[in-house]
Amino acid sequence: MPRKKKPHFTLFQHAQVGQTVKDMYKASLDIRILASNAYPNNHAVAKACEKAYKTMLELKNVLDNNLNEDHGEEEDIPDIYYGDSGLLQETVGNASELPKIAPLNIT
């Protein structure tokens, strides 16, 4: 029996996911910085924070590549995973229904 092909993200779904992924990436970077100031590089906490940061960076790269593969033929493809695309604001009016990750206060 042939395998059913799953649809990929629409451009709007990329915009929704992109905002959350960017917030998660920023949070992982903030936590990584905090950990690097508090723990030696070979400590389990520092290693786990580095791994989380690299995982979020890889996720952004994979999703951005997928965005370009699936929607690259469209003319003005927005910069969803790197930068502010504005696509959600244009389509929804605001992105308030998307989950937000509270920023860390690094001092």
N, C-alpha and C. Protein backbone atom coordinates (compact mmCIF):
# COMPACT_ATOMS: atom_id res chain seq x y z
N MET A 1 0.85 -1.18 0.00
CA MET A 1 0.00 0.00 0.00
C MET A 1 0.90 1.24 0.00
N PRO A 2 0.68 2.17 -0.93
CA PRO A 2 1.53 3.36 -1.00
C PRO A 2 1.33 4.27 0.21
N ARG A 3 2.41 4.88 0.57
CA ARG A 3 2.40 5.79 1.72
C ARG A 3 1.76 7.12 1.32
N LYS A 4 0.89 7.63 2.17
CA LYS A 4 0.22 8.89 1.90
C LYS A 4 1.19 10.04 2.17
N LYS A 5 1.34 10.92 1.21
CA LYS A 5 2.24 12.06 1.36
C LYS A 5 1.58 13.14 2.21
N LYS A 6 2.33 13.60 3.21
CA LYS A 6 1.80 14.64 4.09
C LYS A 6 2.08 16.01 3.48
N PRO A 7 1.14 16.93 3.67
CA PRO A 7 1.38 18.28 3.15
C PRO A 7 2.41 18.99 4.02
N HIS A 8 3.16 19.87 3.43
CA HIS A 8 4.13 20.66 4.18
C HIS A 8 3.45 21.92 4.69
N PHE A 9 4.18 22.72 5.46
CA PHE A 9 3.62 23.96 5.99
C PHE A 9 3.24 24.91 4.86
N THR A 10 2.13 25.58 5.06
CA THR A 10 1.79 26.69 4.18
C THR A 10 2.68 27.87 4.57
N LEU A 11 2.67 28.90 3.76
CA LEU A 11 3.46 30.09 4.07
C LEU A 11 3.01 30.70 5.39
N PHE A 12 1.71 30.72 5.63
CA PHE A 12 1.20 31.27 6.89
C PHE A 12 1.60 30.40 8.08
N GLN A 13 1.58 29.09 7.92
CA GLN A 13 2.02 28.21 9.01
C GLN A 13 3.51 28.42 9.30
N HIS A 14 4.31 28.62 8.26
CA HIS A 14 5.71 28.95 8.48
C HIS A 14 5.83 30.23 9.30
N ALA A 15 5.01 31.22 9.00
CA ALA A 15 5.05 32.48 9.74
C ALA A 15 4.68 32.27 11.21
N GLN A 16 3.66 31.46 11.46
CA GLN A 16 3.27 31.16 12.84
C GLN A 16 4.38 30.44 13.58
N VAL A 17 4.87 29.36 12.98
CA VAL A 17 5.93 28.56 13.60
C VAL A 17 7.20 29.39 13.73
N GLY A 18 7.50 30.18 12.72
CA GLY A 18 8.72 30.99 12.71
C GLY A 18 8.82 31.93 13.89
N GLN A 19 7.72 32.57 14.24
CA GLN A 19 7.75 33.50 15.36
C GLN A 19 8.05 32.77 16.66
N THR A 20 7.42 31.63 16.86
CA THR A 20 7.66 30.84 18.06
C THR A 20 9.09 30.30 18.09
N VAL A 21 9.57 29.80 16.96
CA VAL A 21 10.94 29.27 16.90
C VAL A 21 11.95 30.38 17.17
N LYS A 22 11.72 31.57 16.63
CA LYS A 22 12.64 32.68 16.91
C LYS A 22 12.65 33.03 18.39
N ASP A 23 11.48 33.01 19.03
CA ASP A 23 11.40 33.29 20.47
C ASP A 23 12.14 32.20 21.26
N MET A 24 11.96 30.94 20.86
CA MET A 24 12.63 29.84 21.55
C MET A 24 14.14 29.91 21.34
N TYR A 25 14.55 30.26 20.14
CA TYR A 25 15.98 30.41 19.85
C TYR A 25 16.59 31.50 20.72
N LYS A 26 15.92 32.64 20.80
CA LYS A 26 16.42 33.75 21.61
C LYS A 26 16.49 33.33 23.08
N ALA A 27 15.47 32.63 23.57
CA ALA A 27 15.48 32.17 24.96
C ALA A 27 16.62 31.19 25.19
N SER A 28 16.86 30.28 24.25
CA SER A 28 17.96 29.32 24.42
C SER A 28 19.31 30.03 24.42
N LEU A 29 19.44 31.07 23.62
CA LEU A 29 20.68 31.86 23.61
C LEU A 29 20.87 32.58 24.94
N ASP A 30 19.80 33.17 25.46
CA ASP A 30 19.87 33.87 26.75
C ASP A 30 20.26 32.91 27.87
N ILE A 31 19.66 31.73 27.89
CA ILE A 31 19.97 30.74 28.92
C ILE A 31 21.42 30.26 28.76
N ARG A 32 21.84 30.07 27.53
CA ARG A 32 23.23 29.65 27.26
C ARG A 32 24.22 30.68 27.81
N ILE A 33 23.93 31.96 27.61
CA ILE A 33 24.80 33.02 28.12
C ILE A 33 24.82 33.02 29.64
N LEU A 34 23.64 32.89 30.25
CA LEU A 34 23.59 32.82 31.71
C LEU A 34 24.40 31.64 32.24
N ALA A 35 24.23 30.49 31.61
CA ALA A 35 24.94 29.29 32.05
C ALA A 35 26.45 29.43 31.86
N SER A 36 26.86 30.04 30.76
CA SER A 36 28.30 30.18 30.52
C SER A 36 28.95 31.13 31.51
N ASN A 37 28.18 32.04 32.08
CA ASN A 37 28.70 32.94 33.10
C ASN A 37 28.67 32.32 34.49
N ALA A 38 27.95 31.20 34.65
CA ALA A 38 27.79 30.60 35.97
C ALA A 38 28.47 29.24 36.12
N TYR A 39 28.74 28.56 35.00
CA TYR A 39 29.28 27.20 35.06
C TYR A 39 30.48 27.07 34.12
N PRO A 40 31.41 26.18 34.45
CA PRO A 40 32.50 25.91 33.50
C PRO A 40 31.95 25.19 32.26
N ASN A 41 32.67 25.31 31.15
CA ASN A 41 32.21 24.74 29.88
C ASN A 41 31.99 23.24 29.94
N ASN A 42 32.70 22.53 30.80
CA ASN A 42 32.56 21.07 30.85
C ASN A 42 31.50 20.60 31.85
N HIS A 43 30.79 21.53 32.48
CA HIS A 43 29.73 21.17 33.43
C HIS A 43 28.49 20.73 32.66
N ALA A 44 27.73 19.81 33.25
CA ALA A 44 26.52 19.26 32.60
C ALA A 44 25.52 20.36 32.23
N VAL A 45 25.37 21.37 33.09
CA VAL A 45 24.42 22.46 32.80
C VAL A 45 24.87 23.23 31.57
N ALA A 46 26.15 23.58 31.51
CA ALA A 46 26.67 24.33 30.37
C ALA A 46 26.55 23.52 29.08
N LYS A 47 26.84 22.23 29.16
CA LYS A 47 26.75 21.36 27.99
C LYS A 47 25.30 21.24 27.50
N ALA A 48 24.37 21.09 28.44
CA ALA A 48 22.96 20.97 28.06
C ALA A 48 22.45 22.26 27.43
N CYS A 49 22.86 23.39 27.97
CA CYS A 49 22.45 24.68 27.40
C CYS A 49 23.02 24.88 26.01
N GLU A 50 24.25 24.48 25.80
CA GLU A 50 24.88 24.57 24.48
C GLU A 50 24.15 23.67 23.49
N LYS A 51 23.79 22.47 23.94
CA LYS A 51 23.07 21.53 23.08
C LYS A 51 21.69 22.09 22.69
N ALA A 52 20.98 22.67 23.65
CA ALA A 52 19.66 23.25 23.38
C ALA A 52 19.78 24.40 22.38
N TYR A 53 20.78 25.24 22.58
CA TYR A 53 21.00 26.37 21.67
C TYR A 53 21.28 25.86 20.25
N LYS A 54 22.17 24.88 20.12
CA LYS A 54 22.52 24.35 18.80
C LYS A 54 21.32 23.67 18.14
N THR A 55 20.49 23.01 18.96
CA THR A 55 19.29 22.37 18.43
C THR A 55 18.32 23.40 17.87
N MET A 56 18.13 24.50 18.58
CA MET A 56 17.23 25.55 18.09
C MET A 56 17.79 26.20 16.82
N LEU A 57 19.09 26.38 16.76
CA LEU A 57 19.72 26.93 15.56
C LEU A 57 19.52 25.98 14.37
N GLU A 58 19.70 24.68 14.62
CA GLU A 58 19.48 23.70 13.56
C GLU A 58 18.02 23.69 13.10
N LEU A 59 17.08 23.80 14.04
CA LEU A 59 15.66 23.83 13.69
C LEU A 59 15.36 25.04 12.81
N LYS A 60 15.90 26.21 13.17
CA LYS A 60 15.69 27.40 12.33
C LYS A 60 16.22 27.17 10.92
N ASN A 61 17.42 26.58 10.82
CA ASN A 61 18.02 26.34 9.51
C ASN A 61 17.21 25.35 8.67
N VAL A 62 16.76 24.26 9.31
CA VAL A 62 15.98 23.24 8.59
C VAL A 62 14.66 23.83 8.11
N LEU A 63 13.97 24.55 8.99
CA LEU A 63 12.70 25.15 8.59
C LEU A 63 12.88 26.21 7.51
N ASP A 64 13.93 27.00 7.60
CA ASP A 64 14.19 28.02 6.58
C ASP A 64 14.48 27.36 5.24
N ASN A 65 15.27 26.28 5.25
CA ASN A 65 15.53 25.55 4.00
C ASN A 65 14.24 24.98 3.43
N ASN A 66 13.39 24.43 4.29
CA ASN A 66 12.12 23.87 3.85
C ASN A 66 11.21 24.96 3.28
N LEU A 67 11.20 26.11 3.92
CA LEU A 67 10.42 27.26 3.42
C LEU A 67 10.85 27.60 2.00
N ASN A 68 12.15 27.67 1.78
CA ASN A 68 12.65 28.02 0.45
C ASN A 68 12.40 26.91 -0.57
N GLU A 69 12.46 25.65 -0.15
CA GLU A 69 12.17 24.55 -1.07
C GLU A 69 10.70 24.55 -1.47
N ASP A 70 9.82 24.76 -0.50
CA ASP A 70 8.37 24.67 -0.77
C ASP A 70 7.78 25.95 -1.36
N HIS A 71 8.34 27.09 -1.03
CA HIS A 71 7.72 28.36 -1.45
C HIS A 71 8.70 29.29 -2.16
N GLY A 72 9.86 28.77 -2.53
CA GLY A 72 10.89 29.60 -3.16
C GLY A 72 10.50 30.19 -4.49
N GLU A 73 9.54 29.55 -5.16
CA GLU A 73 9.11 30.07 -6.46
C GLU A 73 8.21 31.30 -6.33
N GLU A 74 7.67 31.52 -5.13
CA GLU A 74 6.83 32.69 -4.91
C GLU A 74 7.70 33.93 -4.91
N GLU A 75 7.15 35.02 -5.40
CA GLU A 75 7.98 36.18 -5.59
C GLU A 75 8.56 36.73 -4.31
N ASP A 76 8.00 37.49 -3.56
CA ASP A 76 8.61 38.13 -2.40
C ASP A 76 8.47 37.25 -1.17
N ILE A 77 9.25 36.19 -1.09
CA ILE A 77 9.18 35.30 0.06
C ILE A 77 9.75 36.03 1.28
N PRO A 78 8.99 36.12 2.34
CA PRO A 78 9.44 36.89 3.51
C PRO A 78 10.55 36.18 4.28
N ASP A 79 11.30 36.95 5.03
CA ASP A 79 12.38 36.43 5.86
C ASP A 79 11.78 36.03 7.20
N ILE A 80 11.23 34.82 7.25
CA ILE A 80 10.44 34.38 8.40
C ILE A 80 11.30 33.95 9.58
N TYR A 81 12.32 33.16 9.33
CA TYR A 81 13.09 32.57 10.43
C TYR A 81 14.27 33.43 10.86
N TYR A 82 14.62 34.40 10.05
CA TYR A 82 15.72 35.32 10.37
C TYR A 82 15.23 36.72 10.04
N GLY A 83 14.87 37.48 11.05
CA GLY A 83 14.36 38.83 10.82
C GLY A 83 12.87 38.90 11.06
N ASP A 84 12.29 40.03 10.73
CA ASP A 84 10.86 40.26 10.96
C ASP A 84 10.15 40.27 9.62
N SER A 85 9.40 39.21 9.36
CA SER A 85 8.74 39.10 8.06
C SER A 85 7.52 40.01 7.95
N GLY A 86 6.83 40.26 9.07
CA GLY A 86 5.62 41.06 9.03
C GLY A 86 4.43 40.31 8.45
N LEU A 87 4.62 39.06 8.05
CA LEU A 87 3.55 38.29 7.40
C LEU A 87 2.37 38.07 8.33
N LEU A 88 2.64 37.79 9.61
CA LEU A 88 1.53 37.56 10.54
C LEU A 88 0.71 38.82 10.74
N GLN A 89 1.37 39.95 10.85
CA GLN A 89 0.64 41.20 11.05
C GLN A 89 -0.22 41.52 9.84
N GLU A 90 0.30 41.24 8.64
CA GLU A 90 -0.46 41.49 7.42
C GLU A 90 -1.68 40.58 7.34
N THR A 91 -1.54 39.33 7.76
CA THR A 91 -2.60 38.34 7.58
C THR A 91 -3.58 38.33 8.74
N VAL A 92 -3.08 38.42 9.97
CA VAL A 92 -3.92 38.28 11.14
C VAL A 92 -4.28 39.63 11.74
N GLY A 93 -3.43 40.60 11.58
CA GLY A 93 -3.64 41.89 12.24
C GLY A 93 -2.72 42.01 13.43
N ASN A 94 -2.61 40.95 14.21
CA ASN A 94 -1.58 40.85 15.24
C ASN A 94 -1.38 39.39 15.57
N ALA A 95 -0.28 39.11 16.19
CA ALA A 95 0.07 37.71 16.48
C ALA A 95 -0.19 37.37 17.94
N SER A 96 -1.17 38.01 18.55
CA SER A 96 -1.39 37.84 19.98
C SER A 96 -1.84 36.43 20.35
N GLU A 97 -2.43 35.68 19.42
CA GLU A 97 -2.86 34.33 19.78
C GLU A 97 -1.74 33.31 19.73
N LEU A 98 -0.56 33.71 19.26
CA LEU A 98 0.57 32.79 19.26
C LEU A 98 1.18 32.71 20.65
N PRO A 99 1.70 31.55 21.02
CA PRO A 99 2.34 31.45 22.35
C PRO A 99 3.58 32.31 22.40
N LYS A 100 3.78 32.98 23.50
CA LYS A 100 4.95 33.83 23.70
C LYS A 100 5.83 33.26 24.79
N ILE A 101 7.11 33.42 24.63
CA ILE A 101 8.06 33.00 25.63
C ILE A 101 8.60 34.28 26.28
N ALA A 102 8.47 34.37 27.58
CA ALA A 102 8.91 35.56 28.29
C ALA A 102 10.43 35.72 28.16
N PRO A 103 10.91 36.92 27.84
CA PRO A 103 12.35 37.12 27.73
C PRO A 103 13.01 37.05 29.10
N LEU A 104 14.25 36.58 29.11
CA LEU A 104 15.00 36.53 30.34
C LEU A 104 15.65 37.88 30.59
N ASN A 105 15.78 38.24 31.82
CA ASN A 105 16.44 39.49 32.17
C ASN A 105 17.89 39.16 32.52
N ILE A 106 18.78 39.40 31.58
CA ILE A 106 20.20 39.11 31.78
C ILE A 106 20.90 40.38 32.20
N THR A 107 21.47 40.34 33.36
CA THR A 107 22.21 41.53 33.84
C THR A 107 23.63 41.15 34.19
